[in-house]
Amino acid sequence: MNSPEHEHQHEPVEQRLKQRTRELWRKAAQHLDASTAARLRAARREALQSSTAPHRQAVRWLIPTGALAAMALAVMMVWQPLPHAPAPPVNQAAGTAPQDADNELPPDAEQVDPGLYQNLDFYAWLAANDRQPTSR
Protein backbone atom coordinates (compact mmCIF):
# COMPACT_ATOMS: atom_id res chain seq x y z
CA MET A 1 0.00 0.00 0.00
CA ASN A 2 2.66 2.53 1.05
CA SER A 3 5.46 1.01 -0.91
CA PRO A 4 8.25 3.29 -2.22
CA GLU A 5 7.06 2.78 -5.81
CA HIS A 6 3.55 3.88 -4.85
CA GLU A 7 4.89 7.05 -3.14
CA HIS A 8 7.00 7.94 -6.19
CA GLN A 9 3.93 7.68 -8.38
CA HIS A 10 2.17 10.36 -6.30
CA GLU A 11 5.09 12.82 -6.27
CA PRO A 12 4.64 14.00 -9.87
CA VAL A 13 0.91 14.40 -9.28
CA GLU A 14 1.54 16.44 -6.11
CA GLN A 15 4.18 18.54 -7.88
CA ARG A 16 1.83 19.23 -10.78
CA LEU A 17 -0.97 20.12 -8.37
CA LYS A 18 1.28 22.57 -6.46
CA GLN A 19 2.53 24.11 -9.68
CA ARG A 20 -1.01 24.51 -11.06
CA THR A 21 -2.18 26.07 -7.78
CA ARG A 22 0.65 28.62 -7.90
CA GLU A 23 -0.15 29.52 -11.48
CA LEU A 24 -3.82 30.08 -10.67
CA TRP A 25 -2.95 32.18 -7.62
CA ARG A 26 -0.58 34.40 -9.62
CA LYS A 27 -3.17 34.92 -12.36
CA ALA A 28 -5.83 35.78 -9.79
CA ALA A 29 -3.46 38.24 -8.08
CA GLN A 30 -2.77 40.01 -11.40
CA HIS A 31 -6.46 40.38 -12.24
CA LEU A 32 -7.73 41.82 -8.93
CA ASP A 33 -10.21 44.62 -9.08
CA ALA A 34 -9.12 47.98 -7.60
CA SER A 35 -11.23 47.83 -4.44
CA THR A 36 -9.99 44.37 -3.46
CA ALA A 37 -6.38 45.37 -4.11
CA ALA A 38 -6.85 48.51 -1.99
CA ARG A 39 -8.34 46.50 0.86
CA LEU A 40 -5.44 44.01 0.71
CA ARG A 41 -2.86 46.84 0.74
CA ALA A 42 -4.64 48.50 3.70
CA ALA A 43 -4.73 45.21 5.61
CA ARG A 44 -1.02 44.70 4.90
CA ARG A 45 -0.13 48.21 6.12
CA GLU A 46 -2.20 47.74 9.26
CA ALA A 47 -0.55 44.40 10.01
CA LEU A 48 2.91 45.88 9.55
CA GLN A 49 2.13 48.90 11.75
CA SER A 50 0.71 46.78 14.55
CA SER A 51 3.83 44.61 14.59
CA THR A 52 6.11 47.65 15.07
CA ALA A 53 3.84 49.47 17.57
CA PRO A 54 4.85 47.44 20.68
CA HIS A 55 8.51 48.01 19.83
CA ARG A 56 8.00 51.77 19.65
CA GLN A 57 6.11 51.80 22.94
CA ALA A 58 8.89 49.84 24.62
CA VAL A 59 11.47 52.33 23.38
CA ARG A 60 9.38 55.20 24.76
CA TRP A 61 9.44 53.66 28.22
CA LEU A 62 13.15 52.79 28.29
CA ILE A 63 14.45 56.30 28.96
CA PRO A 64 12.08 57.23 31.83
CA THR A 65 12.46 53.80 33.40
CA GLY A 66 16.25 53.97 33.22
CA ALA A 67 16.27 57.48 34.68
CA LEU A 68 14.01 56.40 37.54
CA ALA A 69 16.22 53.39 38.28
CA ALA A 70 19.35 55.60 38.29
CA MET A 71 17.71 58.06 40.68
CA ALA A 72 16.62 55.26 43.01
CA LEU A 73 20.16 53.88 43.03
CA ALA A 74 21.61 57.32 43.76
CA VAL A 75 19.17 57.86 46.63
CA MET A 76 20.04 54.47 48.10
CA MET A 77 23.76 55.20 47.86
CA VAL A 78 23.47 58.62 49.53
CA TRP A 79 20.79 57.88 52.11
CA GLN A 80 22.26 54.88 53.88
CA PRO A 81 21.46 54.43 57.58
CA LEU A 82 24.20 55.53 59.93
CA PRO A 83 26.00 52.71 61.75
CA HIS A 84 24.79 52.27 65.31
CA ALA A 85 27.25 52.83 68.16
CA PRO A 86 27.91 49.70 70.22
CA ALA A 87 25.89 49.49 73.42
CA PRO A 88 27.80 50.33 76.60
CA PRO A 89 28.69 47.31 78.75
CA VAL A 90 26.05 46.43 81.32
CA ASN A 91 28.56 45.53 84.00
CA GLN A 92 31.06 48.33 84.58
CA ALA A 93 33.37 45.95 86.41
CA ALA A 94 33.62 43.79 83.32
CA GLY A 95 34.45 46.91 81.32
CA THR A 96 37.52 47.55 83.48
CA ALA A 97 38.84 44.00 82.97
CA PRO A 98 41.62 43.63 80.41
CA GLN A 99 40.47 43.06 76.86
CA ASP A 100 42.54 39.86 76.57
CA ALA A 101 40.47 38.02 79.20
CA ASP A 102 38.60 36.11 76.51
CA ASN A 103 41.74 35.25 74.60
CA GLU A 104 42.34 31.50 74.53
CA LEU A 105 46.07 31.81 73.95
CA PRO A 106 48.33 31.57 77.01
CA PRO A 107 49.77 34.89 78.16
CA ASP A 108 53.34 35.86 77.32
CA ALA A 109 56.00 34.75 79.78
CA GLU A 110 57.07 38.35 80.45
CA GLN A 111 53.56 39.41 81.51
CA VAL A 112 52.78 36.50 83.86
CA ASP A 113 53.97 35.88 87.39
CA PRO A 114 56.79 33.28 87.26
CA GLY A 115 55.21 31.52 90.25
CA LEU A 116 52.41 30.25 87.98
CA TYR A 117 54.85 28.07 86.04
CA GLN A 118 56.00 26.20 89.15
CA ASN A 119 52.90 23.97 89.39
CA LEU A 120 52.09 23.21 85.75
CA ASP A 121 51.09 19.64 86.62
CA PHE A 122 48.45 20.96 89.01
CA TYR A 123 47.02 23.23 86.35
CA ALA A 124 46.90 20.36 83.84
CA TRP A 125 45.08 18.20 86.41
CA LEU A 126 42.67 21.06 87.17
CA ALA A 127 41.90 21.58 83.47
CA ALA A 128 41.31 17.84 82.97
CA ASN A 129 38.96 17.59 85.96
CA ASP A 130 37.17 20.82 85.15
CA ARG A 131 35.95 19.28 81.87
CA GLN A 132 34.32 16.29 83.62
CA PRO A 133 30.87 16.87 85.19
CA THR A 134 30.71 16.74 88.95
CA SER A 135 28.66 13.93 90.51
CA ARG A 136 27.36 15.67 93.61
C-alpha atoms as a PDB file:
ATOM      1  CA  MET A   1       0.000   0.000   0.000  1.00  0.00           C
ATOM      2  CA  ASN A   2       2.656   2.527   1.052  1.00  0.00           C
ATOM      3  CA  SER A   3       5.460   1.013  -0.915  1.00  0.00           C
ATOM      4  CA  PRO A   4       8.248   3.287  -2.216  1.00  0.00           C
ATOM      5  CA  GLU A   5       7.063   2.784  -5.807  1.00  0.00           C
ATOM      6  CA  HIS A   6       3.553   3.879  -4.846  1.00  0.00           C
ATOM      7  CA  GLU A   7       4.889   7.045  -3.142  1.00  0.00           C
ATOM      8  CA  HIS A   8       7.000   7.942  -6.190  1.00  0.00           C
ATOM      9  CA  GLN A   9       3.934   7.682  -8.383  1.00  0.00           C
ATOM     10  CA  HIS A  10       2.169  10.362  -6.303  1.00  0.00           C
ATOM     11  CA  GLU A  11       5.087  12.819  -6.274  1.00  0.00           C
ATOM     12  CA  PRO A  12       4.639  14.001  -9.869  1.00  0.00           C
ATOM     13  CA  VAL A  13       0.910  14.396  -9.281  1.00  0.00           C
ATOM     14  CA  GLU A  14       1.539  16.439  -6.114  1.00  0.00           C
ATOM     15  CA  GLN A  15       4.182  18.540  -7.877  1.00  0.00           C
ATOM     16  CA  ARG A  16       1.827  19.227 -10.776  1.00  0.00           C
ATOM     17  CA  LEU A  17      -0.969  20.125  -8.370  1.00  0.00           C
ATOM     18  CA  LYS A  18       1.282  22.569  -6.460  1.00  0.00           C
ATOM     19  CA  GLN A  19       2.528  24.114  -9.681  1.00  0.00           C
ATOM     20  CA  ARG A  20      -1.006  24.505 -11.058  1.00  0.00           C
ATOM     21  CA  THR A  21      -2.175  26.068  -7.780  1.00  0.00           C
ATOM     22  CA  ARG A  22       0.654  28.619  -7.898  1.00  0.00           C
ATOM     23  CA  GLU A  23      -0.151  29.523 -11.478  1.00  0.00           C
ATOM     24  CA  LEU A  24      -3.818  30.076 -10.666  1.00  0.00           C
ATOM     25  CA  TRP A  25      -2.949  32.179  -7.622  1.00  0.00           C
ATOM     26  CA  ARG A  26      -0.576  34.399  -9.619  1.00  0.00           C
ATOM     27  CA  LYS A  27      -3.172  34.919 -12.360  1.00  0.00           C
ATOM     28  CA  ALA A  28      -5.826  35.778  -9.786  1.00  0.00           C
ATOM     29  CA  ALA A  29      -3.463  38.244  -8.075  1.00  0.00           C
ATOM     30  CA  GLN A  30      -2.772  40.006 -11.403  1.00  0.00           C
ATOM     31  CA  HIS A  31      -6.457  40.383 -12.240  1.00  0.00           C
ATOM     32  CA  LEU A  32      -7.730  41.815  -8.930  1.00  0.00           C
ATOM     33  CA  ASP A  33     -10.206  44.623  -9.077  1.00  0.00           C
ATOM     34  CA  ALA A  34      -9.117  47.977  -7.605  1.00  0.00           C
ATOM     35  CA  SER A  35     -11.233  47.827  -4.443  1.00  0.00           C
ATOM     36  CA  THR A  36      -9.988  44.366  -3.456  1.00  0.00           C
ATOM     37  CA  ALA A  37      -6.384  45.375  -4.114  1.00  0.00           C
ATOM     38  CA  ALA A  38      -6.855  48.514  -1.994  1.00  0.00           C
ATOM     39  CA  ARG A  39      -8.337  46.498   0.863  1.00  0.00           C
ATOM     40  CA  LEU A  40      -5.435  44.010   0.711  1.00  0.00           C
ATOM     41  CA  ARG A  41      -2.859  46.836   0.744  1.00  0.00           C
ATOM     42  CA  ALA A  42      -4.636  48.497   3.698  1.00  0.00           C
ATOM     43  CA  ALA A  43      -4.727  45.207   5.605  1.00  0.00           C
ATOM     44  CA  ARG A  44      -1.023  44.697   4.897  1.00  0.00           C
ATOM     45  CA  ARG A  45      -0.126  48.214   6.122  1.00  0.00           C
ATOM     46  CA  GLU A  46      -2.203  47.738   9.260  1.00  0.00           C
ATOM     47  CA  ALA A  47      -0.554  44.401  10.006  1.00  0.00           C
ATOM     48  CA  LEU A  48       2.911  45.883   9.550  1.00  0.00           C
ATOM     49  CA  GLN A  49       2.134  48.899  11.754  1.00  0.00           C
ATOM     50  CA  SER A  50       0.712  46.785  14.552  1.00  0.00           C
ATOM     51  CA  SER A  51       3.826  44.612  14.586  1.00  0.00           C
ATOM     52  CA  THR A  52       6.108  47.646  15.071  1.00  0.00           C
ATOM     53  CA  ALA A  53       3.841  49.466  17.574  1.00  0.00           C
ATOM     54  CA  PRO A  54       4.853  47.437  20.676  1.00  0.00           C
ATOM     55  CA  HIS A  55       8.506  48.006  19.832  1.00  0.00           C
ATOM     56  CA  ARG A  56       8.005  51.774  19.650  1.00  0.00           C
ATOM     57  CA  GLN A  57       6.112  51.801  22.939  1.00  0.00           C
ATOM     58  CA  ALA A  58       8.894  49.840  24.616  1.00  0.00           C
ATOM     59  CA  VAL A  59      11.475  52.335  23.381  1.00  0.00           C
ATOM     60  CA  ARG A  60       9.378  55.198  24.758  1.00  0.00           C
ATOM     61  CA  TRP A  61       9.441  53.656  28.225  1.00  0.00           C
ATOM     62  CA  LEU A  62      13.147  52.793  28.295  1.00  0.00           C
ATOM     63  CA  ILE A  63      14.445  56.302  28.959  1.00  0.00           C
ATOM     64  CA  PRO A  64      12.077  57.230  31.830  1.00  0.00           C
ATOM     65  CA  THR A  65      12.458  53.796  33.403  1.00  0.00           C
ATOM     66  CA  GLY A  66      16.252  53.966  33.219  1.00  0.00           C
ATOM     67  CA  ALA A  67      16.270  57.476  34.683  1.00  0.00           C
ATOM     68  CA  LEU A  68      14.013  56.404  37.543  1.00  0.00           C
ATOM     69  CA  ALA A  69      16.218  53.392  38.283  1.00  0.00           C
ATOM     70  CA  ALA A  70      19.346  55.599  38.287  1.00  0.00           C
ATOM     71  CA  MET A  71      17.706  58.061  40.675  1.00  0.00           C
ATOM     72  CA  ALA A  72      16.624  55.259  43.008  1.00  0.00           C
ATOM     73  CA  LEU A  73      20.155  53.881  43.032  1.00  0.00           C
ATOM     74  CA  ALA A  74      21.612  57.323  43.755  1.00  0.00           C
ATOM     75  CA  VAL A  75      19.167  57.859  46.634  1.00  0.00           C
ATOM     76  CA  MET A  76      20.041  54.466  48.103  1.00  0.00           C
ATOM     77  CA  MET A  77      23.763  55.205  47.857  1.00  0.00           C
ATOM     78  CA  VAL A  78      23.470  58.624  49.533  1.00  0.00           C
ATOM     79  CA  TRP A  79      20.794  57.884  52.105  1.00  0.00           C
ATOM     80  CA  GLN A  80      22.256  54.880  53.876  1.00  0.00           C
ATOM     81  CA  PRO A  81      21.460  54.433  57.582  1.00  0.00           C
ATOM     82  CA  LEU A  82      24.203  55.525  59.927  1.00  0.00           C
ATOM     83  CA  PRO A  83      26.002  52.709  61.747  1.00  0.00           C
ATOM     84  CA  HIS A  84      24.788  52.273  65.313  1.00  0.00           C
ATOM     85  CA  ALA A  85      27.255  52.831  68.157  1.00  0.00           C
ATOM     86  CA  PRO A  86      27.915  49.702  70.223  1.00  0.00           C
ATOM     87  CA  ALA A  87      25.892  49.490  73.416  1.00  0.00           C
ATOM     88  CA  PRO A  88      27.797  50.333  76.599  1.00  0.00           C
ATOM     89  CA  PRO A  89      28.693  47.310  78.746  1.00  0.00           C
ATOM     90  CA  VAL A  90      26.050  46.430  81.319  1.00  0.00           C
ATOM     91  CA  ASN A  91      28.559  45.534  84.003  1.00  0.00           C
ATOM     92  CA  GLN A  92      31.061  48.334  84.579  1.00  0.00           C
ATOM     93  CA  ALA A  93      33.371  45.953  86.411  1.00  0.00           C
ATOM     94  CA  ALA A  94      33.624  43.794  83.319  1.00  0.00           C
ATOM     95  CA  GLY A  95      34.449  46.910  81.323  1.00  0.00           C
ATOM     96  CA  THR A  96      37.520  47.545  83.478  1.00  0.00           C
ATOM     97  CA  ALA A  97      38.837  44.001  82.973  1.00  0.00           C
ATOM     98  CA  PRO A  98      41.621  43.627  80.414  1.00  0.00           C
ATOM     99  CA  GLN A  99      40.471  43.057  76.858  1.00  0.00           C
ATOM    100  CA  ASP A 100      42.542  39.860  76.565  1.00  0.00           C
ATOM    101  CA  ALA A 101      40.468  38.023  79.205  1.00  0.00           C
ATOM    102  CA  ASP A 102      38.603  36.108  76.514  1.00  0.00           C
ATOM    103  CA  ASN A 103      41.741  35.246  74.605  1.00  0.00           C
ATOM    104  CA  GLU A 104      42.344  31.496  74.529  1.00  0.00           C
ATOM    105  CA  LEU A 105      46.069  31.806  73.950  1.00  0.00           C
ATOM    106  CA  PRO A 106      48.332  31.574  77.009  1.00  0.00           C
ATOM    107  CA  PRO A 107      49.774  34.891  78.157  1.00  0.00           C
ATOM    108  CA  ASP A 108      53.337  35.863  77.316  1.00  0.00           C
ATOM    109  CA  ALA A 109      55.998  34.753  79.777  1.00  0.00           C
ATOM    110  CA  GLU A 110      57.070  38.347  80.454  1.00  0.00           C
ATOM    111  CA  GLN A 111      53.563  39.413  81.507  1.00  0.00           C
ATOM    112  CA  VAL A 112      52.784  36.504  83.861  1.00  0.00           C
ATOM    113  CA  ASP A 113      53.969  35.880  87.385  1.00  0.00           C
ATOM    114  CA  PRO A 114      56.791  33.280  87.259  1.00  0.00           C
ATOM    115  CA  GLY A 115      55.210  31.520  90.246  1.00  0.00           C
ATOM    116  CA  LEU A 116      52.407  30.250  87.976  1.00  0.00           C
ATOM    117  CA  TYR A 117      54.854  28.065  86.039  1.00  0.00           C
ATOM    118  CA  GLN A 118      56.000  26.198  89.154  1.00  0.00           C
ATOM    119  CA  ASN A 119      52.900  23.972  89.387  1.00  0.00           C
ATOM    120  CA  LEU A 120      52.088  23.214  85.746  1.00  0.00           C
ATOM    121  CA  ASP A 121      51.087  19.641  86.624  1.00  0.00           C
ATOM    122  CA  PHE A 122      48.455  20.963  89.015  1.00  0.00           C
ATOM    123  CA  TYR A 123      47.019  23.228  86.349  1.00  0.00           C
ATOM    124  CA  ALA A 124      46.898  20.360  83.836  1.00  0.00           C
ATOM    125  CA  TRP A 125      45.080  18.199  86.415  1.00  0.00           C
ATOM    126  CA  LEU A 126      42.673  21.062  87.172  1.00  0.00           C
ATOM    127  CA  ALA A 127      41.902  21.575  83.474  1.00  0.00           C
ATOM    128  CA  ALA A 128      41.307  17.845  82.966  1.00  0.00           C
ATOM    129  CA  ASN A 129      38.955  17.587  85.964  1.00  0.00           C
ATOM    130  CA  ASP A 130      37.172  20.817  85.149  1.00  0.00           C
ATOM    131  CA  ARG A 131      35.945  19.277  81.874  1.00  0.00           C
ATOM    132  CA  GLN A 132      34.325  16.286  83.624  1.00  0.00           C
ATOM    133  CA  PRO A 133      30.874  16.873  85.191  1.00  0.00           C
ATOM    134  CA  THR A 134      30.707  16.740  88.953  1.00  0.00           C
ATOM    135  CA  SER A 135      28.655  13.930  90.507  1.00  0.00           C
ATOM    136  CA  ARG A 136      27.356  15.668  93.605  1.00  0.00           C
END
